C-alpha atoms as a PDB file:
ATOM      1  CA  MET A   1      19.362 197.057 188.505  1.00  0.00           C
ATOM      2  CA  THR A   2      17.852 198.644 191.618  1.00  0.00           C
ATOM      3  CA  PRO A   3      18.548 202.294 192.408  1.00  0.00           C
ATOM      4  CA  ILE A   4      20.623 201.389 195.467  1.00  0.00           C
ATOM      5  CA  ILE A   5      22.907 199.108 193.451  1.00  0.00           C
ATOM      6  CA  ARG A   6      23.185 201.730 190.701  1.00  0.00           C
ATOM      7  CA  ILE A   7      24.111 204.476 193.204  1.00  0.00           C
ATOM      8  CA  THR A   8      26.651 202.148 194.874  1.00  0.00           C
ATOM      9  CA  VAL A   9      28.263 201.278 191.518  1.00  0.00           C
ATOM     10  CA  PHE A  10      28.476 204.936 190.466  1.00  0.00           C
ATOM     11  CA  ALA A  11      29.958 205.866 193.886  1.00  0.00           C
ATOM     12  CA  LEU A  12      32.580 203.087 193.682  1.00  0.00           C
ATOM     13  CA  VAL A  13      33.494 204.026 190.086  1.00  0.00           C
ATOM     14  CA  GLY A  14      33.711 207.713 191.076  1.00  0.00           C
ATOM     15  CA  CYS A  15      35.949 206.920 194.071  1.00  0.00           C
ATOM     16  CA  ALA A  16      38.226 204.771 191.914  1.00  0.00           C
ATOM     17  CA  ILE A  17      38.542 207.455 189.236  1.00  0.00           C
ATOM     18  CA  GLY A  18      39.236 210.091 191.892  1.00  0.00           C
ATOM     19  CA  TYR A  19      41.803 207.973 193.652  1.00  0.00           C
ATOM     20  CA  PHE A  20      43.760 206.968 190.561  1.00  0.00           C
ATOM     21  CA  SER A  21      43.687 210.442 188.983  1.00  0.00           C
ATOM     22  CA  ALA A  22      44.929 212.006 192.221  1.00  0.00           C
ATOM     23  CA  HIS A  23      47.634 209.293 192.513  1.00  0.00           C
ATOM     24  CA  TYR A  24      48.955 210.008 189.016  1.00  0.00           C
ATOM     25  CA  VAL A  25      48.909 213.810 189.523  1.00  0.00           C
ATOM     26  CA  ILE A  26      50.652 213.574 192.929  1.00  0.00           C
ATOM     27  CA  SER A  27      53.311 211.233 191.461  1.00  0.00           C
ATOM     28  CA  GLY A  28      53.967 213.744 188.616  1.00  0.00           C
ATOM     29  CA  GLN A  29      52.814 211.401 185.857  1.00  0.00           C
ATOM     30  CA  LEU A  30      49.771 213.430 184.895  1.00  0.00           C
ATOM     31  CA  GLY A  31      49.109 217.152 184.596  1.00  0.00           C
ATOM     32  CA  ASP A  32      51.332 220.184 184.096  1.00  0.00           C
ATOM     33  CA  LEU A  33      52.940 220.384 187.567  1.00  0.00           C
ATOM     34  CA  THR A  34      56.365 219.143 186.558  1.00  0.00           C
ATOM     35  CA  LEU A  35      58.940 220.136 184.038  1.00  0.00           C
ATOM     36  CA  GLN A  36      60.631 217.318 182.150  1.00  0.00           C
ATOM     37  CA  SER A  37      64.154 217.778 180.726  1.00  0.00           C
ATOM     38  CA  GLY A  38      65.454 214.490 179.309  1.00  0.00           C
ATOM     39  CA  SER A  39      65.401 212.003 182.167  1.00  0.00           C
ATOM     40  CA  TRP A  40      65.151 214.766 184.813  1.00  0.00           C
ATOM     41  CA  LYS A  41      61.943 216.013 186.396  1.00  0.00           C
ATOM     42  CA  LEU A  42      61.439 219.237 188.385  1.00  0.00           C
ATOM     43  CA  TRP A  43      58.322 220.175 190.357  1.00  0.00           C
ATOM     44  CA  LYS A  44      57.654 223.725 189.162  1.00  0.00           C
ATOM     45  CA  LYS A  45      56.061 225.097 192.325  1.00  0.00           C
ATOM     46  CA  ALA A  46      58.140 223.197 194.896  1.00  0.00           C
ATOM     47  CA  GLY A  47      58.822 225.496 197.868  1.00  0.00           C
ATOM     48  CA  HIS A  48      56.615 228.303 196.551  1.00  0.00           C
ATOM     49  CA  SER A  49      54.019 229.925 198.792  1.00  0.00           C
ATOM     50  CA  ASP A  50      51.418 229.593 196.000  1.00  0.00           C
ATOM     51  CA  ALA A  51      52.057 225.856 195.389  1.00  0.00           C
ATOM     52  CA  ASP A  52      49.008 223.878 194.368  1.00  0.00           C
ATOM     53  CA  PRO A  53      47.582 221.143 196.640  1.00  0.00           C
ATOM     54  CA  TYR A  54      49.005 218.311 194.486  1.00  0.00           C
ATOM     55  CA  THR A  55      52.556 219.622 194.764  1.00  0.00           C
ATOM     56  CA  LYS A  56      52.154 220.033 198.520  1.00  0.00           C
ATOM     57  CA  ALA A  57      50.781 216.495 198.756  1.00  0.00           C
ATOM     58  CA  HIS A  58      53.671 215.116 196.669  1.00  0.00           C
ATOM     59  CA  PHE A  59      56.274 216.455 199.108  1.00  0.00           C
ATOM     60  CA  SER A  60      54.179 215.743 202.241  1.00  0.00           C
ATOM     61  CA  LEU A  61      53.877 212.049 201.318  1.00  0.00           C
ATOM     62  CA  ARG A  62      57.638 211.856 200.906  1.00  0.00           C
ATOM     63  CA  ARG A  63      58.260 213.744 204.189  1.00  0.00           C
ATOM     64  CA  GLU A  64      60.303 216.350 202.317  1.00  0.00           C
ATOM     65  CA  LEU A  65      60.379 220.097 202.824  1.00  0.00           C
ATOM     66  CA  PRO A  66      61.368 221.775 199.561  1.00  0.00           C
ATOM     67  CA  LEU A  67      63.046 225.173 199.716  1.00  0.00           C
ATOM     68  CA  SER A  68      62.218 228.119 197.460  1.00  0.00           C
ATOM     69  CA  SER A  69      63.658 227.911 193.926  1.00  0.00           C
ATOM     70  CA  PHE A  70      65.785 230.967 194.787  1.00  0.00           C
ATOM     71  CA  GLU A  71      67.611 228.787 197.327  1.00  0.00           C
ATOM     72  CA  GLN A  72      67.564 225.351 195.660  1.00  0.00           C
ATOM     73  CA  MET A  73      66.102 223.459 192.735  1.00  0.00           C
ATOM     74  CA  THR A  74      65.916 219.664 192.984  1.00  0.00           C
ATOM     75  CA  PHE A  75      65.641 217.566 189.842  1.00  0.00           C
ATOM     76  CA  SER A  76      65.020 213.810 190.015  1.00  0.00           C
ATOM     77  CA  ALA A  77      65.521 211.038 187.471  1.00  0.00           C
ATOM     78  CA  ASP A  78      64.382 207.444 187.655  1.00  0.00           C
ATOM     79  CA  THR A  79      65.007 206.549 183.983  1.00  0.00           C
ATOM     80  CA  ASP A  80      68.012 206.652 181.700  1.00  0.00           C
ATOM     81  CA  PHE A  81      68.279 208.612 178.433  1.00  0.00           C
ATOM     82  CA  ASN A  82      66.355 205.929 176.568  1.00  0.00           C
ATOM     83  CA  GLY A  83      63.535 205.739 179.130  1.00  0.00           C
ATOM     84  CA  GLY A  84      64.602 202.527 180.828  1.00  0.00           C
ATOM     85  CA  PRO A  85      64.336 202.361 184.662  1.00  0.00           C
ATOM     86  CA  LEU A  86      67.555 202.988 186.579  1.00  0.00           C
ATOM     87  CA  SER A  87      68.688 199.623 188.027  1.00  0.00           C
ATOM     88  CA  SER A  88      71.778 198.678 189.968  1.00  0.00           C
ATOM     89  CA  VAL A  89      72.376 195.653 187.698  1.00  0.00           C
ATOM     90  CA  CYS A  90      73.438 198.157 185.020  1.00  0.00           C
ATOM     91  CA  SER A  91      76.214 200.740 184.637  1.00  0.00           C
ATOM     92  CA  TYR A  92      75.598 204.342 183.589  1.00  0.00           C
ATOM     93  CA  LYS A  93      77.724 207.327 182.510  1.00  0.00           C
ATOM     94  CA  LEU A  94      76.683 210.912 183.181  1.00  0.00           C
ATOM     95  CA  ALA A  95      78.539 213.649 181.322  1.00  0.00           C
ATOM     96  CA  SER A  96      77.977 217.284 182.124  1.00  0.00           C
ATOM     97  CA  ALA A  97      79.174 220.794 181.387  1.00  0.00           C
ATOM     98  CA  PRO A  98      79.602 223.036 184.448  1.00  0.00           C
ATOM     99  CA  LEU A  99      76.251 223.402 186.168  1.00  0.00           C
ATOM    100  CA  PRO A 100      74.908 226.984 186.464  1.00  0.00           C
ATOM    101  CA  ALA A 101      74.710 227.246 190.248  1.00  0.00           C
ATOM    102  CA  ARG A 102      76.862 228.371 193.184  1.00  0.00           C
ATOM    103  CA  ALA A 103      76.894 224.771 194.430  1.00  0.00           C
ATOM    104  CA  TRP A 104      75.266 221.457 193.552  1.00  0.00           C
ATOM    105  CA  GLY A 105      74.949 217.899 194.752  1.00  0.00           C
ATOM    106  CA  MET A 106      73.962 214.612 193.114  1.00  0.00           C
ATOM    107  CA  ALA A 107      72.898 211.582 195.128  1.00  0.00           C
ATOM    108  CA  ILE A 108      71.428 208.116 194.742  1.00  0.00           C
ATOM    109  CA  ALA A 109      68.081 207.691 196.498  1.00  0.00           C
ATOM    110  CA  PRO A 110      65.621 204.804 196.828  1.00  0.00           C
ATOM    111  CA  ARG A 111      62.661 204.674 194.508  1.00  0.00           C
ATOM    112  CA  GLY A 112      59.505 204.792 196.564  1.00  0.00           C
ATOM    113  CA  ASP A 113      59.731 203.403 200.098  1.00  0.00           C
ATOM    114  CA  ALA A 114      62.314 200.714 199.291  1.00  0.00           C
ATOM    115  CA  GLU A 115      65.425 200.436 201.414  1.00  0.00           C
ATOM    116  CA  LEU A 116      68.718 200.180 199.530  1.00  0.00           C
ATOM    117  CA  THR A 117      71.801 198.219 200.603  1.00  0.00           C
ATOM    118  CA  TYR A 118      74.959 200.033 199.619  1.00  0.00           C
ATOM    119  CA  ILE A 119      78.375 198.479 198.892  1.00  0.00           C
ATOM    120  CA  SER A 120      80.202 201.703 199.853  1.00  0.00           C
ATOM    121  CA  LYS A 121      79.697 204.697 202.104  1.00  0.00           C
ATOM    122  CA  ARG A 122      79.802 207.085 199.104  1.00  0.00           C
ATOM    123  CA  ARG A 123      76.319 207.917 197.948  1.00  0.00           C
ATOM    124  CA  SER A 124      76.820 211.359 196.354  1.00  0.00           C
ATOM    125  CA  PHE A 125      79.052 213.885 194.636  1.00  0.00           C
ATOM    126  CA  ASN A 126      78.950 217.637 194.897  1.00  0.00           C
ATOM    127  CA  ALA A 127      80.593 220.663 193.359  1.00  0.00           C
ATOM    128  CA  ASN A 128      83.479 220.488 195.865  1.00  0.00           C
ATOM    129  CA  ASN A 129      84.554 216.839 195.591  1.00  0.00           C
ATOM    130  CA  ILE A 130      84.209 216.018 191.906  1.00  0.00           C
ATOM    131  CA  VAL A 131      87.189 215.772 189.501  1.00  0.00           C
ATOM    132  CA  ARG A 132      86.722 218.022 186.449  1.00  0.00           C
ATOM    133  CA  ASP A 133      88.603 218.648 183.239  1.00  0.00           C
ATOM    134  CA  PRO A 134      90.223 222.083 182.616  1.00  0.00           C
ATOM    135  CA  GLN A 135      86.975 223.450 181.120  1.00  0.00           C
ATOM    136  CA  GLY A 136      84.977 222.423 184.194  1.00  0.00           C
ATOM    137  CA  ASN A 137      83.222 219.486 182.523  1.00  0.00           C
ATOM    138  CA  PHE A 138      82.873 216.236 184.436  1.00  0.00           C
ATOM    139  CA  GLU A 139      81.756 212.630 184.047  1.00  0.00           C
ATOM    140  CA  ILE A 140      80.307 210.336 186.727  1.00  0.00           C
ATOM    141  CA  ILE A 141      80.217 206.542 186.377  1.00  0.00           C
ATOM    142  CA  LEU A 142      77.471 204.719 188.219  1.00  0.00           C
ATOM    143  CA  SER A 143      78.254 201.051 188.702  1.00  0.00           C
ATOM    144  CA  ASP A 144      78.160 198.283 191.328  1.00  0.00           C
ATOM    145  CA  SER A 145      81.887 197.607 190.777  1.00  0.00           C
ATOM    146  CA  ALA A 146      84.775 200.073 191.326  1.00  0.00           C
ATOM    147  CA  ARG A 147      85.754 202.305 188.391  1.00  0.00           C
ATOM    148  CA  PRO A 148      88.503 204.897 188.007  1.00  0.00           C
ATOM    149  CA  GLY A 149      87.542 208.577 188.178  1.00  0.00           C
ATOM    150  CA  ASN A 150      84.273 209.869 189.577  1.00  0.00           C
ATOM    151  CA  TRP A 151      82.689 206.543 190.559  1.00  0.00           C
ATOM    152  CA  LEU A 152      79.330 206.493 192.349  1.00  0.00           C
ATOM    153  CA  PRO A 153      78.633 203.011 193.760  1.00  0.00           C
ATOM    154  CA  LEU A 154      75.189 201.597 193.081  1.00  0.00           C
ATOM    155  CA  PRO A 155      73.181 199.575 195.610  1.00  0.00           C
ATOM    156  CA  ALA A 156      74.279 195.950 195.924  1.00  0.00           C
ATOM    157  CA  ASP A 157      70.883 194.261 195.743  1.00  0.00           C
ATOM    158  CA  GLY A 158      69.943 194.882 192.109  1.00  0.00           C
ATOM    159  CA  ALA A 159      67.257 197.370 193.135  1.00  0.00           C
ATOM    160  CA  GLU A 160      65.844 200.213 191.088  1.00  0.00           C
ATOM    161  CA  PHE A 161      66.891 203.674 192.258  1.00  0.00           C
ATOM    162  CA  LYS A 162      66.623 207.312 191.329  1.00  0.00           C
ATOM    163  CA  LEU A 163      69.106 210.184 191.097  1.00  0.00           C
ATOM    164  CA  MET A 164      68.578 213.504 192.851  1.00  0.00           C
ATOM    165  CA  LEU A 165      70.377 216.608 191.456  1.00  0.00           C
ATOM    166  CA  THR A 166      70.135 219.708 193.638  1.00  0.00           C
ATOM    167  CA  LEU A 167      71.238 223.100 192.374  1.00  0.00           C
ATOM    168  CA  ILE A 168      71.906 225.560 195.198  1.00  0.00           C
ATOM    169  CA  ASN A 169      71.622 229.252 194.384  1.00  0.00           C
ATOM    170  CA  ALA A 170      71.112 228.624 190.688  1.00  0.00           C
ATOM    171  CA  ASP A 171      71.698 231.413 188.187  1.00  0.00           C
ATOM    172  CA  ARG A 172      68.767 233.818 187.768  1.00  0.00           C
ATOM    173  CA  LYS A 173      68.234 232.616 184.159  1.00  0.00           C
ATOM    174  CA  VAL A 174      67.747 229.007 185.421  1.00  0.00           C
ATOM    175  CA  ILE A 175      65.312 230.170 188.152  1.00  0.00           C
ATOM    176  CA  GLU A 176      63.243 232.100 185.610  1.00  0.00           C
ATOM    177  CA  ASP A 177      63.373 229.354 182.959  1.00  0.00           C
ATOM    178  CA  PRO A 178      64.340 225.937 184.422  1.00  0.00           C
ATOM    179  CA  SER A 179      64.112 224.364 180.986  1.00  0.00           C
ATOM    180  CA  SER A 180      67.180 226.388 179.918  1.00  0.00           C
ATOM    181  CA  VAL A 181      69.603 224.388 182.095  1.00  0.00           C
ATOM    182  CA  GLN A 182      71.657 221.694 180.400  1.00  0.00           C
ATOM    183  CA  LEU A 183      71.375 218.699 182.725  1.00  0.00           C
ATOM    184  CA  PRO A 184      73.620 215.601 182.536  1.00  0.00           C
ATOM    185  CA  GLU A 185      72.481 212.852 180.205  1.00  0.00           C
ATOM    186  CA  ILE A 186      72.185 209.452 181.881  1.00  0.00           C
ATOM    187  CA  ARG A 187      73.600 207.005 179.340  1.00  0.00           C
ATOM    188  CA  LEU A 188      73.335 203.240 179.806  1.00  0.00           C
ATOM    189  CA  GLU A 189      76.718 201.544 179.425  1.00  0.00           C
ATOM    190  CA  GLY A 190      75.642 197.941 179.926  1.00  0.00           C
ATOM    191  CA  CYS A 191      73.948 195.471 182.226  1.00  0.00           C
ATOM    192  CA  ARG A 192      75.104 192.206 183.779  1.00  0.00           C
END
């Protein structure tokens, strides 16, 4: 092999390794930039002034501007409790104790750049419009067909989606140790 071909091969291999490693770090699949709690993922330095370049790139590519963790903490989940991808051909149940924040919101969002077609205008619940039991616990049913109680309609086209849970003005203990918060488990109920 001539030196030019050898240099070209090494350059191409180096570029490929660099691209794929950066892609996996920016997507949160590699490295220590995220905190995993069950199905939920939190970018540790989101909104911090000392955020690393990969965290900044993650939010820049998604055209999102994260706030400081003192103001809000956003957890995302794209898998259920067993690790299966969230899909609108299935139904899910989320059960939760009261969340340790002044306010919170949970919404369905597209996975990646996909557009979702919704069967209803409701796409989220928050601390003000959810029905709770006397202890403050609540359940949310995610399904493409109407259900009694706290029903969150899934997209109509059988697409994969993710859930976004935002805690606003979380308790100091949660800000200092995000792994201490008990987040809702996303349990698969069945698929059609």
